[in-house]
Amino acid sequence: MRALDAARETCERHLPGLLDRLGEHPLDRLEKPGSPAVELFRSRGGPALVIPKAYSGLGAGPVEAVDVTRALAAASPSLAVATTMHHFSVATLFSLADSLQSSGVEWALLEGIVEQNLLVASGFAEGRPGRGILAPTMEARLDEGGKGYRVNGAKKPCSLSASMDLLTASVALPAADGAGPGETAVLLVPRQTDGLSVHPFWSSWALAGAESDEIRLTDVLVDEQQVMRTELGDSGELDELQTVGFIWFEMLISACYLGVASALAERVMAGGRGSASERAQLGIRLETAAQLLEGVARMVADGERGNAALAKSLVARYGAQDAIGDVVRQAVELLGGMAFIGSGDIAYLAAASHGLSFHPPSRSAFTEPFVEHIGGKPLRLA
């Protein structure tokens, strides 16, 4: 299938040999806990994929990152989801490198991502229905010894929990006057930090290879240099760090499920299932999703990363989500009952494809802020 083959070529150019190595394992092996996929990704230099060449990374731009993610997801959905959490974190940090360096953030930790091939887990989810992603329950208090903050709380599910070397996580800082709510910040915490532990959480067989378990911080000491402060604008819009992170996340997580749908559509095309008209409709819906995400990627590459760009990325995400759902339903129907019975891969891919609807923000949480945005106000996800 032309578009998927092109994505695979992009992946091979940046991460040579990775798809071949993944292809040596059946899908169900790649999707289970203890999967070899993450370490295969690391062995091919994957952690440096979206880090600019100026910082010794592989320098894949947003368009290429979408293609690589699509290709990986067609081979192993769990790997694509897990590594998306790494990519959006490091893409955000390195795109704001100059301002972070000048703010005193511990840059040695970020340099180590490239030099030591480190993986970064992204701890923003807290598994609490109805609570926004920008309202963390993890809290920090000033350390009595004046060394920084003591942090307590949990992040779940948190992908790459078994393989991570660093954790980025949102946290509520204490108010400067000691009363009322303080600001939200992002922490950068090494895996070996005292008080950081990993606990079982993910019970589903779908995407079980993404290592999405609970990361718990118990009285963890975090230096001020490991804290990246965030703030809302005057109208409630996100700051640059949060906005850039959200755009990269929505773009890449959507590309994961585009890859899953692509794997199903490829089976339809290869088997000549259905009529030419049905296959054409399948391809149109699939590439509708792909072009929406490519549009976001080109927007990011052109330097758009403000509040309006965030709104565009979320519109593209929900448009792609709907198109991906159409593709999966039609592909499973065209493949037919015997194909479904004969291989667990089809049922697995169909089940895994539903994951996009669970990633934040939910459609219901986006609706009212988006209507206000259409009317001329900034998009306020908080």
Protein backbone atom coordinates (compact mmCIF):
# COMPACT_ATOMS: atom_id res chain seq x y z
CA MET A 1 0.00 0.00 0.00
CA ARG A 2 1.69 3.16 -1.31
CA ALA A 3 1.31 5.52 1.68
CA LEU A 4 2.22 2.89 4.25
CA ASP A 5 5.21 1.77 2.16
CA ALA A 6 6.38 5.40 2.03
CA ALA A 7 6.08 5.63 5.82
CA ARG A 8 8.13 2.45 6.14
CA GLU A 9 10.82 3.92 3.90
CA THR A 10 10.99 6.97 6.15
CA CYS A 11 11.29 4.72 9.19
CA GLU A 12 14.05 2.69 7.55
CA ARG A 13 15.97 5.85 6.68
CA HIS A 14 15.97 7.08 10.27
CA LEU A 15 15.92 3.79 12.21
CA PRO A 16 17.56 1.29 9.85
CA GLY A 17 16.74 -2.35 10.45
CA LEU A 18 14.11 -1.75 13.13
CA LEU A 19 11.09 -2.85 11.11
CA ASP A 20 12.93 -5.98 9.96
CA ARG A 21 13.77 -6.88 13.55
CA LEU A 22 10.19 -6.28 14.66
CA GLY A 23 9.02 -8.46 11.78
CA GLU A 24 10.92 -11.40 13.26
CA HIS A 25 8.33 -11.57 16.06
CA PRO A 26 4.61 -12.36 15.78
CA LEU A 27 2.26 -9.51 16.65
CA ASP A 28 1.00 -11.14 19.84
CA ARG A 29 4.58 -11.38 21.14
CA LEU A 30 5.23 -7.70 20.47
CA GLU A 31 2.02 -6.68 22.23
CA LYS A 32 2.54 -8.55 25.50
CA PRO A 33 4.26 -7.37 28.70
CA GLY A 34 7.96 -8.05 28.37
CA SER A 35 7.87 -7.41 24.63
CA PRO A 36 11.29 -7.01 22.96
CA ALA A 37 10.00 -4.06 20.92
CA VAL A 38 11.09 -1.19 23.17
CA GLU A 39 14.67 -2.42 23.49
CA LEU A 40 14.82 -3.02 19.73
CA PHE A 41 13.72 0.60 19.31
CA ARG A 42 16.42 1.76 21.72
CA SER A 43 19.09 -0.34 19.98
CA ARG A 44 18.41 1.49 16.70
CA GLY A 45 18.86 4.92 18.28
CA GLY A 46 15.12 5.61 18.48
CA PRO A 47 15.28 7.90 21.55
CA ALA A 48 17.05 10.56 19.43
CA LEU A 49 14.55 10.47 16.54
CA VAL A 50 12.94 13.92 16.94
CA ILE A 51 15.84 15.63 18.69
CA PRO A 52 17.37 18.26 16.35
CA LYS A 53 20.74 17.54 14.77
CA ALA A 54 22.04 20.67 16.49
CA TYR A 55 21.77 18.66 19.72
CA SER A 56 23.25 15.51 18.11
CA GLY A 57 19.84 13.93 17.50
CA LEU A 58 18.57 12.25 14.34
CA GLY A 59 16.71 15.39 13.35
CA ALA A 60 13.43 13.91 12.12
CA GLY A 61 10.97 16.73 11.54
CA PRO A 62 7.26 16.60 12.39
CA VAL A 63 6.21 15.18 9.00
CA GLU A 64 8.84 12.45 9.21
CA ALA A 65 7.91 11.73 12.83
CA VAL A 66 4.30 11.14 11.81
CA ASP A 67 5.44 8.72 9.09
CA VAL A 68 7.77 6.82 11.41
CA THR A 69 5.04 6.54 14.04
CA ARG A 70 2.54 5.27 11.45
CA ALA A 71 5.00 2.63 10.23
CA LEU A 72 5.85 1.46 13.75
CA ALA A 73 2.19 1.26 14.74
CA ALA A 74 1.41 -0.97 11.76
CA ALA A 75 4.09 -3.36 13.06
CA SER A 76 3.52 -2.96 16.81
CA PRO A 77 0.80 -0.65 18.15
CA SER A 78 2.17 -0.90 21.70
CA LEU A 79 5.62 0.25 20.63
CA ALA A 80 4.20 3.24 18.76
CA VAL A 81 2.05 4.33 21.70
CA ALA A 82 4.88 3.89 24.21
CA THR A 83 7.46 5.76 22.17
CA THR A 84 5.02 8.56 21.32
CA MET A 85 5.11 9.46 25.01
CA HIS A 86 8.90 9.77 24.76
CA HIS A 87 8.87 11.70 21.47
CA PHE A 88 6.35 14.34 22.43
CA SER A 89 8.21 15.00 25.68
CA VAL A 90 11.65 15.41 24.10
CA ALA A 91 10.32 17.28 21.05
CA THR A 92 8.75 19.80 23.41
CA LEU A 93 11.83 20.18 25.57
CA PHE A 94 14.27 20.55 22.70
CA SER A 95 12.04 22.90 20.72
CA LEU A 96 12.20 25.22 23.74
CA ALA A 97 15.87 24.50 24.40
CA ASP A 98 17.12 28.07 24.52
CA SER A 99 14.53 29.27 27.01
CA LEU A 100 14.93 26.18 29.19
CA GLN A 101 18.70 26.56 29.33
CA SER A 102 18.40 30.20 30.32
CA SER A 103 15.85 29.32 33.01
CA GLY A 104 18.34 27.11 34.84
CA VAL A 105 16.77 23.72 34.07
CA GLU A 106 19.29 20.91 34.56
CA TRP A 107 20.40 20.60 30.95
CA ALA A 108 22.74 17.68 31.65
CA LEU A 109 19.71 15.41 32.02
CA LEU A 110 18.48 16.39 28.56
CA GLU A 111 21.92 15.98 26.98
CA GLY A 112 22.00 12.47 28.41
CA ILE A 113 18.97 11.49 26.33
CA VAL A 114 21.13 11.63 23.21
CA GLU A 115 24.50 10.70 24.66
CA GLN A 116 23.21 7.69 26.62
CA ASN A 117 20.19 6.73 24.47
CA LEU A 118 17.76 7.39 27.31
CA LEU A 119 13.99 6.93 27.21
CA VAL A 120 11.63 9.45 28.76
CA ALA A 121 8.26 8.47 30.21
CA SER A 122 5.52 11.08 30.27
CA GLY A 123 3.57 11.22 33.51
CA PHE A 124 0.54 13.41 33.02
CA ALA A 125 -2.30 10.89 33.28
CA GLU A 126 -3.64 10.13 36.74
CA GLY A 127 -6.45 7.68 36.02
CA ARG A 128 -9.09 9.92 37.61
CA PRO A 129 -12.23 10.25 35.49
CA GLY A 130 -13.58 13.78 35.31
CA ARG A 131 -10.31 15.39 36.39
CA GLY A 132 -8.52 17.46 33.78
CA ILE A 133 -5.00 16.62 32.65
CA LEU A 134 -3.95 20.14 33.71
CA ALA A 135 -5.11 19.67 37.29
CA PRO A 136 -2.57 17.25 38.79
CA THR A 137 -3.18 15.57 42.11
CA MET A 138 0.53 14.94 42.56
CA GLU A 139 1.73 17.58 45.00
CA ALA A 140 5.01 19.12 46.01
CA ARG A 141 5.96 20.77 49.28
CA LEU A 142 9.08 22.72 50.10
CA ASP A 143 11.84 20.52 51.48
CA GLU A 144 12.61 21.34 55.09
CA GLY A 145 16.32 21.21 54.33
CA GLY A 146 15.95 23.84 51.62
CA LYS A 147 17.08 21.48 48.85
CA GLY A 148 14.03 21.84 46.62
CA TYR A 149 10.69 20.03 46.85
CA ARG A 150 9.36 16.79 48.28
CA VAL A 151 6.91 15.25 45.83
CA ASN A 152 4.15 12.72 46.55
CA GLY A 153 1.55 11.16 44.28
CA ALA A 154 1.05 8.70 41.44
CA LYS A 155 0.77 8.75 37.67
CA LYS A 156 -1.26 6.03 35.99
CA PRO A 157 -1.27 4.74 33.37
CA CYS A 158 2.25 5.79 32.47
CA SER A 159 3.71 4.19 29.34
CA LEU A 160 7.37 3.10 29.26
CA SER A 161 7.20 2.56 33.02
CA ALA A 162 9.44 -0.52 32.78
CA SER A 163 12.01 0.89 30.35
CA MET A 164 12.17 4.59 31.20
CA ASP A 165 15.36 6.32 32.29
CA LEU A 166 13.70 9.68 33.02
CA LEU A 167 10.21 10.70 34.02
CA THR A 168 8.51 13.96 33.08
CA ALA A 169 5.43 14.57 35.22
CA SER A 170 3.01 17.36 36.03
CA VAL A 171 2.81 18.44 39.67
CA ALA A 172 1.04 21.07 41.76
CA LEU A 173 3.56 23.36 43.47
CA PRO A 174 2.76 25.11 46.77
CA ALA A 175 1.58 28.71 46.59
CA ALA A 176 4.28 31.30 47.22
CA ASP A 177 2.36 32.70 50.20
CA GLY A 178 1.62 29.23 51.56
CA ALA A 179 -2.15 29.64 51.10
CA GLY A 180 -4.43 28.51 48.30
CA PRO A 181 -3.51 26.62 45.13
CA GLY A 182 -0.09 27.17 43.59
CA GLU A 183 1.12 26.85 40.04
CA THR A 184 1.47 23.71 37.93
CA ALA A 185 4.96 22.61 36.92
CA VAL A 186 6.62 19.82 34.98
CA LEU A 187 9.27 17.73 36.72
CA LEU A 188 12.22 15.91 35.18
CA VAL A 189 13.11 12.98 37.46
CA PRO A 190 15.74 10.24 36.87
CA ARG A 191 14.47 6.65 37.20
CA GLN A 192 16.91 5.79 40.01
CA THR A 193 15.70 8.60 42.28
CA ASP A 194 14.91 7.42 45.81
CA GLY A 195 11.17 7.08 46.37
CA LEU A 196 10.23 6.43 42.71
CA SER A 197 8.61 3.03 42.22
CA VAL A 198 6.59 1.17 39.57
CA HIS A 199 3.46 -0.85 40.34
CA PRO A 200 1.11 -3.01 38.21
CA PHE A 201 -1.87 -1.16 36.78
CA TRP A 202 -2.68 -2.12 33.17
CA SER A 203 -5.00 -5.14 33.13
CA SER A 204 -6.19 -5.14 29.51
CA TRP A 205 -4.54 -7.34 26.89
CA ALA A 206 -4.87 -4.51 24.34
CA LEU A 207 -1.67 -2.43 24.10
CA ALA A 208 -0.17 -4.36 27.01
CA GLY A 209 3.29 -4.05 25.46
CA ALA A 210 3.30 -0.28 26.03
CA GLU A 211 4.34 -0.80 29.69
CA SER A 212 1.51 1.43 30.93
CA ASP A 213 1.62 0.86 34.66
CA GLU A 214 1.59 3.08 37.73
CA ILE A 215 4.56 5.23 38.69
CA ARG A 216 4.48 6.27 42.31
CA LEU A 217 6.51 9.06 43.90
CA THR A 218 6.84 8.84 47.67
CA ASP A 219 8.58 11.76 49.34
CA VAL A 220 10.83 12.16 46.28
CA LEU A 221 13.35 14.99 46.56
CA VAL A 222 13.37 17.16 43.44
CA ASP A 223 15.87 19.98 42.98
CA GLU A 224 14.66 23.37 41.74
CA GLN A 225 16.69 22.78 38.55
CA GLN A 226 14.49 19.78 37.75
CA VAL A 227 11.35 21.94 37.76
CA MET A 228 9.90 23.60 34.66
CA ARG A 229 7.23 26.06 35.70
CA THR A 230 4.08 26.62 33.62
CA GLU A 231 1.39 29.26 33.77
CA LEU A 232 -1.90 30.16 32.14
CA GLY A 233 -2.28 33.28 30.04
CA ASP A 234 -4.53 36.18 30.94
CA SER A 235 -7.48 34.52 29.18
CA GLY A 236 -6.78 31.05 30.54
CA GLU A 237 -4.79 29.78 27.56
CA LEU A 238 -1.83 27.43 28.08
CA ASP A 239 1.75 28.64 28.13
CA GLU A 240 4.28 27.75 25.43
CA LEU A 241 5.62 24.62 27.13
CA GLN A 242 2.16 23.12 27.55
CA THR A 243 0.93 24.21 24.13
CA VAL A 244 3.87 22.78 22.21
CA GLY A 245 3.59 19.55 24.18
CA PHE A 246 -0.12 19.18 23.49
CA ILE A 247 0.31 19.78 19.75
CA TRP A 248 3.05 17.17 19.44
CA PHE A 249 1.08 14.73 21.55
CA GLU A 250 -2.16 15.02 19.58
CA MET A 251 -0.29 14.72 16.29
CA LEU A 252 1.75 11.65 17.20
CA ILE A 253 -0.83 9.76 19.24
CA SER A 254 -3.25 10.10 16.32
CA ALA A 255 -0.53 8.79 13.99
CA CYS A 256 -0.31 5.67 16.17
CA TYR A 257 -3.90 4.73 15.50
CA LEU A 258 -3.58 5.73 11.86
CA GLY A 259 -0.89 3.06 11.67
CA VAL A 260 -3.17 0.48 13.29
CA ALA A 261 -5.94 1.25 10.80
CA SER A 262 -3.37 1.15 7.98
CA ALA A 263 -2.36 -2.39 8.95
CA LEU A 264 -5.99 -3.52 8.61
CA ALA A 265 -6.56 -1.63 5.36
CA GLU A 266 -3.39 -3.13 3.89
CA ARG A 267 -4.79 -6.61 4.49
CA VAL A 268 -7.95 -5.64 2.62
CA MET A 269 -6.01 -4.25 -0.34
CA ALA A 270 -3.57 -7.14 -0.50
CA GLY A 271 -6.40 -9.68 -0.43
CA GLY A 272 -8.53 -7.81 -2.97
CA ARG A 273 -11.43 -7.93 -0.56
CA GLY A 274 -14.69 -6.23 -1.51
CA SER A 275 -15.38 -4.30 -4.69
CA ALA A 276 -13.10 -1.67 -6.21
CA SER A 277 -15.56 0.97 -5.02
CA GLU A 278 -15.41 -0.31 -1.44
CA ARG A 279 -11.62 -0.45 -1.45
CA ALA A 280 -11.46 3.06 -2.88
CA GLN A 281 -13.74 4.36 -0.13
CA LEU A 282 -11.55 2.65 2.44
CA GLY A 283 -8.46 4.29 1.00
CA ILE A 284 -10.13 7.70 0.88
CA ARG A 285 -11.08 7.61 4.55
CA LEU A 286 -7.63 6.35 5.53
CA GLU A 287 -5.83 9.08 3.63
CA THR A 288 -8.29 11.69 4.93
CA ALA A 289 -6.91 10.94 8.39
CA ALA A 290 -3.33 10.91 7.08
CA GLN A 291 -3.67 14.30 5.38
CA LEU A 292 -5.20 15.87 8.46
CA LEU A 293 -2.19 14.80 10.51
CA GLU A 294 0.25 15.81 7.79
CA GLY A 295 -1.33 19.26 7.85
CA VAL A 296 -0.63 19.55 11.57
CA ALA A 297 2.93 18.31 11.06
CA ARG A 298 3.58 20.91 8.37
CA MET A 299 2.09 23.59 10.60
CA VAL A 300 4.52 22.64 13.37
CA ALA A 301 7.42 22.52 10.91
CA ASP A 302 6.53 26.06 9.81
CA GLY A 303 6.84 27.27 13.38
CA GLU A 304 3.15 27.61 14.32
CA ARG A 305 2.82 26.60 17.94
CA GLY A 306 0.47 29.07 19.58
CA ASN A 307 -3.07 28.81 20.88
CA ALA A 308 -4.65 28.84 17.41
CA ALA A 309 -2.30 26.05 16.31
CA LEU A 310 -3.39 23.99 19.31
CA ALA A 311 -7.03 24.36 18.27
CA LYS A 312 -6.16 23.26 14.72
CA SER A 313 -4.30 20.20 16.01
CA LEU A 314 -7.28 19.11 18.10
CA VAL A 315 -9.69 19.57 15.21
CA ALA A 316 -7.38 17.39 13.11
CA ARG A 317 -7.17 14.81 15.89
CA TYR A 318 -10.95 14.39 16.17
CA GLY A 319 -11.39 14.41 12.39
CA ALA A 320 -8.71 11.73 12.08
CA GLN A 321 -10.26 9.78 14.95
CA ASP A 322 -13.61 9.62 13.14
CA ALA A 323 -11.99 8.61 9.84
CA ILE A 324 -9.88 5.93 11.56
CA GLY A 325 -13.01 4.49 13.17
CA ASP A 326 -14.70 4.30 9.75
CA VAL A 327 -11.67 2.55 8.25
CA VAL A 328 -11.46 -0.05 11.00
CA ARG A 329 -15.15 -0.92 10.83
CA GLN A 330 -15.14 -1.22 7.05
CA ALA A 331 -11.85 -3.12 6.92
CA VAL A 332 -13.00 -5.74 9.43
CA GLU A 333 -16.25 -6.18 7.50
CA LEU A 334 -14.49 -6.55 4.15
CA LEU A 335 -11.93 -9.00 5.54
CA GLY A 336 -14.84 -11.20 6.59
CA GLY A 337 -15.61 -13.73 9.26
CA MET A 338 -13.15 -16.40 8.14
CA ALA A 339 -10.23 -13.97 8.24
CA PHE A 340 -11.37 -12.79 11.66
CA ILE A 341 -11.60 -16.39 12.91
CA GLY A 342 -8.37 -17.46 11.26
CA SER A 343 -6.09 -14.86 12.83
CA GLY A 344 -6.14 -13.16 16.18
CA ASP A 345 -4.27 -10.22 14.62
CA ILE A 346 -7.40 -8.76 13.05
CA ALA A 347 -9.38 -8.81 16.28
CA TYR A 348 -6.41 -7.39 18.15
CA LEU A 349 -5.83 -4.50 15.74
CA ALA A 350 -9.55 -3.68 15.74
CA ALA A 351 -9.61 -3.59 19.54
CA ALA A 352 -6.40 -1.57 19.83
CA SER A 353 -7.70 1.02 17.36
CA HIS A 354 -10.28 2.25 19.88
CA GLY A 355 -7.54 3.58 22.15
CA LEU A 356 -7.44 6.98 20.47
CA SER A 357 -10.79 7.96 21.97
CA PHE A 358 -9.36 7.46 25.47
CA HIS A 359 -6.47 9.90 25.13
CA PRO A 360 -6.95 13.41 26.51
CA PRO A 361 -8.66 15.69 26.09
CA SER A 362 -11.96 13.88 25.77
CA ARG A 363 -14.29 15.11 23.06
CA SER A 364 -16.79 16.27 25.68
CA ALA A 365 -14.12 18.30 27.50
CA PHE A 366 -13.08 19.91 24.21
CA THR A 367 -16.56 20.86 23.00
CA GLU A 368 -17.39 23.97 25.03
CA PRO A 369 -13.89 25.50 24.87
CA PHE A 370 -13.88 24.93 21.10
CA VAL A 371 -17.26 26.59 20.62
CA GLU A 372 -15.94 29.59 22.55
CA HIS A 373 -12.80 29.52 20.40
CA ILE A 374 -14.87 29.59 17.21
CA GLY A 375 -16.53 32.69 18.64
CA GLY A 376 -13.19 34.44 18.96
CA LYS A 377 -11.84 33.52 22.38
CA PRO A 378 -8.56 31.70 23.08
CA LEU A 379 -8.86 27.92 23.45
CA ARG A 380 -8.86 27.19 27.20
CA LEU A 381 -8.28 23.51 27.96
CA ALA A 382 -7.78 24.23 31.66
